[in-house]
Amino acid sequence: MKTNIFPVIKLTLVTLVFFTGIYPAVIWAIAQLAPNNGKGEVIVADGKKYYSNVGQTFTEDKYFNSRPSAVDYNAAGSGASNKGASNEEYLQTV
């Protein structure tokens, strides 16, 4: 059993350190080279801030409909409705 458990513990610790420290630091460093330091593209229109790479609502049938958003497609905040497929209000929205 010792021949199996110690390598597993070592692998767990190595992956824990890598995926919680090294990998996020490398991705953050790469993002700093991007325009706006990896914070995404901010568009200001009519005094409001919008983020360009987020889902949006479409009202015409010729567009593919994205999933419903509980925060009206505003990337500044995050949230969810936690409504399931059995919720009548959710089914009407979808």
N, C-alpha and C. Protein backbone atom coordinates (compact mmCIF):
# COMPACT_ATOMS: atom_id res chain seq x y z
N MET A 1 0.82 -1.19 0.00
CA MET A 1 0.00 0.00 0.00
C MET A 1 0.86 1.26 0.00
N LYS A 2 2.00 1.21 0.69
CA LYS A 2 2.89 2.37 0.73
C LYS A 2 3.41 2.73 -0.65
N THR A 3 3.58 1.74 -1.48
CA THR A 3 4.09 2.03 -2.82
C THR A 3 3.07 2.77 -3.67
N ASN A 4 1.82 2.70 -3.29
CA ASN A 4 0.77 3.39 -4.06
C ASN A 4 0.36 4.72 -3.44
N ILE A 5 0.30 4.80 -2.14
CA ILE A 5 -0.27 5.99 -1.50
C ILE A 5 0.67 7.19 -1.54
N PHE A 6 1.97 6.97 -1.37
CA PHE A 6 2.90 8.10 -1.35
C PHE A 6 3.01 8.81 -2.70
N PRO A 7 3.10 8.09 -3.82
CA PRO A 7 3.09 8.79 -5.11
C PRO A 7 1.79 9.56 -5.36
N VAL A 8 0.68 9.02 -4.89
CA VAL A 8 -0.60 9.70 -5.06
C VAL A 8 -0.63 11.00 -4.25
N ILE A 9 -0.13 10.95 -3.03
CA ILE A 9 -0.08 12.15 -2.19
C ILE A 9 0.85 13.19 -2.81
N LYS A 10 2.01 12.76 -3.31
CA LYS A 10 2.94 13.68 -3.96
C LYS A 10 2.30 14.32 -5.19
N LEU A 11 1.65 13.51 -6.01
CA LEU A 11 0.99 14.04 -7.21
C LEU A 11 -0.11 15.03 -6.84
N THR A 12 -0.86 14.72 -5.81
CA THR A 12 -1.91 15.63 -5.36
C THR A 12 -1.33 16.97 -4.92
N LEU A 13 -0.26 16.93 -4.16
CA LEU A 13 0.37 18.18 -3.70
C LEU A 13 0.96 18.97 -4.86
N VAL A 14 1.60 18.29 -5.79
CA VAL A 14 2.18 18.98 -6.94
C VAL A 14 1.09 19.64 -7.78
N THR A 15 0.01 18.92 -8.07
CA THR A 15 -1.06 19.51 -8.87
C THR A 15 -1.78 20.62 -8.11
N LEU A 16 -1.89 20.49 -6.80
CA LEU A 16 -2.50 21.54 -6.00
C LEU A 16 -1.70 22.83 -6.10
N VAL A 17 -0.39 22.72 -5.95
CA VAL A 17 0.48 23.90 -6.05
C VAL A 17 0.44 24.47 -7.47
N PHE A 18 0.48 23.60 -8.46
CA PHE A 18 0.49 24.06 -9.84
C PHE A 18 -0.80 24.77 -10.22
N PHE A 19 -1.94 24.15 -9.95
CA PHE A 19 -3.22 24.70 -10.41
C PHE A 19 -3.77 25.81 -9.52
N THR A 20 -3.24 26.00 -8.34
CA THR A 20 -3.71 27.10 -7.49
C THR A 20 -2.70 28.23 -7.39
N GLY A 21 -1.51 28.04 -7.91
CA GLY A 21 -0.51 29.09 -7.79
C GLY A 21 0.21 29.39 -9.08
N ILE A 22 0.91 28.41 -9.61
CA ILE A 22 1.76 28.64 -10.78
C ILE A 22 0.93 28.94 -12.02
N TYR A 23 -0.03 28.10 -12.35
CA TYR A 23 -0.84 28.30 -13.55
C TYR A 23 -1.60 29.64 -13.54
N PRO A 24 -2.31 30.00 -12.46
CA PRO A 24 -2.97 31.31 -12.47
C PRO A 24 -1.98 32.47 -12.61
N ALA A 25 -0.80 32.34 -12.01
CA ALA A 25 0.20 33.42 -12.13
C ALA A 25 0.70 33.56 -13.56
N VAL A 26 0.90 32.45 -14.24
CA VAL A 26 1.34 32.51 -15.64
C VAL A 26 0.26 33.11 -16.52
N ILE A 27 -0.97 32.70 -16.35
CA ILE A 27 -2.07 33.25 -17.15
C ILE A 27 -2.24 34.74 -16.87
N TRP A 28 -2.13 35.15 -15.61
CA TRP A 28 -2.22 36.57 -15.26
C TRP A 28 -1.09 37.35 -15.93
N ALA A 29 0.12 36.81 -15.92
CA ALA A 29 1.26 37.49 -16.53
C ALA A 29 1.07 37.64 -18.04
N ILE A 30 0.54 36.61 -18.69
CA ILE A 30 0.27 36.70 -20.12
C ILE A 30 -0.81 37.74 -20.39
N ALA A 31 -1.82 37.80 -19.54
CA ALA A 31 -2.91 38.77 -19.72
C ALA A 31 -2.42 40.20 -19.58
N GLN A 32 -1.36 40.42 -18.83
CA GLN A 32 -0.84 41.78 -18.68
C GLN A 32 -0.24 42.30 -19.98
N LEU A 33 0.10 41.40 -20.91
CA LEU A 33 0.64 41.81 -22.21
C LEU A 33 -0.47 42.22 -23.17
N ALA A 34 -1.70 41.85 -22.88
CA ALA A 34 -2.83 42.15 -23.74
C ALA A 34 -3.26 43.61 -23.56
N PRO A 35 -3.96 44.15 -24.56
CA PRO A 35 -4.49 45.51 -24.38
C PRO A 35 -5.41 45.58 -23.17
N ASN A 36 -5.37 46.67 -22.46
CA ASN A 36 -6.18 46.90 -21.26
C ASN A 36 -5.81 45.93 -20.14
N ASN A 37 -4.60 45.40 -20.19
CA ASN A 37 -4.06 44.52 -19.15
C ASN A 37 -4.96 43.34 -18.81
N GLY A 38 -5.58 42.76 -19.80
CA GLY A 38 -6.38 41.56 -19.59
C GLY A 38 -7.72 41.80 -18.92
N LYS A 39 -8.16 43.04 -18.86
CA LYS A 39 -9.42 43.34 -18.20
C LYS A 39 -10.59 43.37 -19.18
N GLY A 40 -10.32 43.02 -20.43
CA GLY A 40 -11.37 43.03 -21.43
C GLY A 40 -11.53 44.40 -22.04
N GLU A 41 -12.32 44.46 -23.07
CA GLU A 41 -12.55 45.73 -23.75
C GLU A 41 -13.75 46.43 -23.13
N VAL A 42 -13.54 47.63 -22.63
CA VAL A 42 -14.60 48.40 -22.01
C VAL A 42 -15.08 49.44 -23.01
N ILE A 43 -16.37 49.48 -23.26
CA ILE A 43 -16.97 50.44 -24.17
C ILE A 43 -17.84 51.38 -23.34
N VAL A 44 -17.64 52.67 -23.50
CA VAL A 44 -18.45 53.65 -22.79
C VAL A 44 -19.40 54.30 -23.80
N ALA A 45 -20.69 54.17 -23.54
CA ALA A 45 -21.70 54.76 -24.42
C ALA A 45 -22.80 55.36 -23.55
N ASP A 46 -23.12 56.58 -23.77
CA ASP A 46 -24.16 57.29 -23.02
C ASP A 46 -23.90 57.27 -21.52
N GLY A 47 -22.63 57.35 -21.15
CA GLY A 47 -22.27 57.38 -19.74
C GLY A 47 -22.31 56.04 -19.04
N LYS A 48 -22.58 54.96 -19.75
CA LYS A 48 -22.61 53.62 -19.16
C LYS A 48 -21.45 52.80 -19.69
N LYS A 49 -20.91 51.92 -18.83
CA LYS A 49 -19.83 51.04 -19.22
C LYS A 49 -20.40 49.70 -19.70
N TYR A 50 -19.89 49.24 -20.81
CA TYR A 50 -20.28 47.94 -21.35
C TYR A 50 -19.01 47.15 -21.64
N TYR A 51 -19.09 45.85 -21.49
CA TYR A 51 -17.98 44.97 -21.81
C TYR A 51 -18.30 44.26 -23.11
N SER A 52 -17.36 44.23 -24.02
CA SER A 52 -17.67 43.80 -25.38
C SER A 52 -17.81 42.30 -25.56
N ASN A 53 -17.11 41.50 -24.80
CA ASN A 53 -17.09 40.07 -25.06
C ASN A 53 -18.01 39.28 -24.13
N VAL A 54 -19.22 39.70 -24.02
CA VAL A 54 -20.19 38.99 -23.19
C VAL A 54 -21.42 38.70 -24.03
N GLY A 55 -22.27 37.82 -23.54
CA GLY A 55 -23.50 37.51 -24.25
C GLY A 55 -24.40 38.73 -24.34
N GLN A 56 -25.29 38.69 -25.27
CA GLN A 56 -26.21 39.81 -25.44
C GLN A 56 -27.57 39.27 -25.84
N THR A 57 -28.56 40.08 -25.62
CA THR A 57 -29.91 39.67 -25.96
C THR A 57 -30.20 40.00 -27.42
N PHE A 58 -30.85 39.08 -28.10
CA PHE A 58 -31.23 39.30 -29.49
C PHE A 58 -32.74 39.27 -29.58
N THR A 59 -33.30 40.16 -30.36
CA THR A 59 -34.75 40.24 -30.47
C THR A 59 -35.27 39.75 -31.82
N GLU A 60 -34.37 39.55 -32.78
CA GLU A 60 -34.81 39.10 -34.10
C GLU A 60 -34.56 37.61 -34.26
N ASP A 61 -35.41 36.95 -35.04
CA ASP A 61 -35.31 35.51 -35.21
C ASP A 61 -34.11 35.08 -36.04
N LYS A 62 -33.50 36.00 -36.79
CA LYS A 62 -32.37 35.60 -37.64
C LYS A 62 -31.09 35.36 -36.85
N TYR A 63 -31.07 35.73 -35.57
CA TYR A 63 -29.88 35.54 -34.74
C TYR A 63 -30.04 34.31 -33.86
N PHE A 64 -28.91 33.71 -33.53
CA PHE A 64 -28.89 32.60 -32.58
C PHE A 64 -29.13 33.17 -31.19
N ASN A 65 -30.04 32.58 -30.44
CA ASN A 65 -30.36 33.08 -29.10
C ASN A 65 -29.40 32.49 -28.08
N SER A 66 -28.79 33.35 -27.30
CA SER A 66 -27.93 32.86 -26.22
C SER A 66 -28.80 32.48 -25.04
N ARG A 67 -28.19 31.88 -24.04
CA ARG A 67 -28.98 31.46 -22.88
C ARG A 67 -29.48 32.67 -22.11
N PRO A 68 -30.58 32.54 -21.39
CA PRO A 68 -31.13 33.67 -20.64
C PRO A 68 -30.15 34.15 -19.56
N SER A 69 -30.15 35.45 -19.33
CA SER A 69 -29.26 36.03 -18.34
C SER A 69 -30.06 36.61 -17.18
N ALA A 70 -29.67 36.25 -15.96
CA ALA A 70 -30.35 36.78 -14.78
C ALA A 70 -29.87 38.19 -14.44
N VAL A 71 -28.75 38.62 -15.05
CA VAL A 71 -28.22 39.96 -14.77
C VAL A 71 -28.27 40.84 -16.01
N ASP A 72 -29.14 40.52 -16.93
CA ASP A 72 -29.36 41.29 -18.16
C ASP A 72 -28.07 41.46 -18.96
N TYR A 73 -27.28 40.41 -19.04
CA TYR A 73 -26.05 40.36 -19.83
C TYR A 73 -25.03 41.42 -19.42
N ASN A 74 -25.01 41.78 -18.16
CA ASN A 74 -24.06 42.75 -17.64
C ASN A 74 -22.91 41.98 -17.00
N ALA A 75 -21.72 42.09 -17.58
CA ALA A 75 -20.57 41.33 -17.09
C ALA A 75 -19.94 41.95 -15.86
N ALA A 76 -20.36 43.15 -15.48
CA ALA A 76 -19.78 43.80 -14.30
C ALA A 76 -20.17 43.06 -13.03
N GLY A 77 -21.31 42.46 -13.03
CA GLY A 77 -21.74 41.67 -11.88
C GLY A 77 -22.01 40.26 -12.34
N SER A 78 -22.06 39.36 -11.44
CA SER A 78 -22.37 37.99 -11.83
C SER A 78 -23.56 37.53 -11.00
N GLY A 79 -24.28 36.63 -11.55
CA GLY A 79 -25.42 36.12 -10.82
C GLY A 79 -26.16 35.09 -11.62
N ALA A 80 -27.04 34.42 -10.98
CA ALA A 80 -27.85 33.41 -11.64
C ALA A 80 -29.22 33.41 -11.00
N SER A 81 -30.17 32.93 -11.74
CA SER A 81 -31.53 32.91 -11.22
C SER A 81 -31.79 31.66 -10.39
N ASN A 82 -31.00 30.61 -10.60
CA ASN A 82 -31.19 29.33 -9.93
C ASN A 82 -32.57 28.73 -10.21
N LYS A 83 -33.12 29.07 -11.35
CA LYS A 83 -34.41 28.50 -11.73
C LYS A 83 -34.17 27.27 -12.60
N GLY A 84 -34.83 26.20 -12.26
CA GLY A 84 -34.66 24.96 -12.99
C GLY A 84 -35.66 24.79 -14.09
N ALA A 85 -35.55 23.67 -14.79
CA ALA A 85 -36.43 23.39 -15.92
C ALA A 85 -37.87 23.17 -15.50
N SER A 86 -38.13 22.97 -14.22
CA SER A 86 -39.50 22.77 -13.76
C SER A 86 -40.17 24.08 -13.34
N ASN A 87 -39.43 25.20 -13.37
CA ASN A 87 -39.98 26.49 -12.97
C ASN A 87 -40.75 27.09 -14.15
N GLU A 88 -42.01 27.43 -13.94
CA GLU A 88 -42.86 27.95 -15.01
C GLU A 88 -42.37 29.29 -15.54
N GLU A 89 -41.91 30.17 -14.67
CA GLU A 89 -41.41 31.48 -15.10
C GLU A 89 -40.18 31.31 -16.00
N TYR A 90 -39.30 30.39 -15.64
CA TYR A 90 -38.12 30.13 -16.46
C TYR A 90 -38.52 29.58 -17.82
N LEU A 91 -39.47 28.68 -17.85
CA LEU A 91 -39.91 28.10 -19.11
C LEU A 91 -40.54 29.15 -20.03
N GLN A 92 -41.24 30.12 -19.45
CA GLN A 92 -41.81 31.19 -20.26
C GLN A 92 -40.72 32.09 -20.82
N THR A 93 -39.69 32.33 -20.04
CA THR A 93 -38.57 33.16 -20.50
C THR A 93 -37.81 32.49 -21.63
N VAL A 94 -37.61 31.19 -21.48
CA VAL A 94 -36.87 30.46 -22.49
C VAL A 94 -37.73 30.25 -23.71
